[in-house]
Amino acid sequence: MSGALARLIRSGPALAGAGRPEVCELCAAPVAEEHPHLFEAAADEVRCVCGPCSVLFSEQGAGGGRYRPVPRRRVRLAPVDTAALGVPVGLVFFVPRTDGTVTAQGPSPAGAMRWEVHADAWHGLAATCPQLASVVPDVEALLINTVRGQKEHWIVPVDDCFRMIALVRTEWRGLSGGGRVWPVVEQFFAELTERS
């Protein structure tokens, strides 16, 4: 994770740009608040890019496969039983990787926590929820929120996941998160909309 998304996670939305306009990480052109992202495979990071640069890498294998576009698809799922994945938190996202591994990441006051998930457990879960087999490795995730009685289960682009981590990082207070973080998380999920 680097660039603007990393600044967002480290410092929170109010400080991420700190007076500087956000720019494309490939050509340095200014980018709008809503802009495309590319996944850089070698660095395992998401990059903020302008529209023209994102088009350069829209074809499969463009640029030797170094960058891949982060899709915009969001799909709301019926509740998925993720207990078999062995991650003991209720606000987490799972990313299958092109190398066959699966990672889980969840927010904390210090940023993202990361765990390795058994690939066999992921494949077993995908057998019970066929939509999970369509998750594009590295650039899409299964995002869940079962905290405080919530039942949110989504396939989303990974940039949505990092935005959620930044929101938690910004609002977290004390050991339990305080009174501000959970309403912000609930609002984040309430504002997710399905799109293809």
Foldseek 3Di string as FASTA:
>chain_A
DDALLVLLLQPNDVPSQPPNAGAFPPPRHGADPDFWWKQQVVVLDITGHHPVVLVQQDDPCRPNNRIHTQDFFKDWDFFFPLVLQPDPDQWWKWAQAPVQWIKIWGADLRFIDIDTTPSVSQVVSCVVVVVSVVQDHSFWIFTGHCPPNDRTTMIGTVSLVSNLNSLQNNQADDDPRPDPRPVVSVVSRVPDDGDD
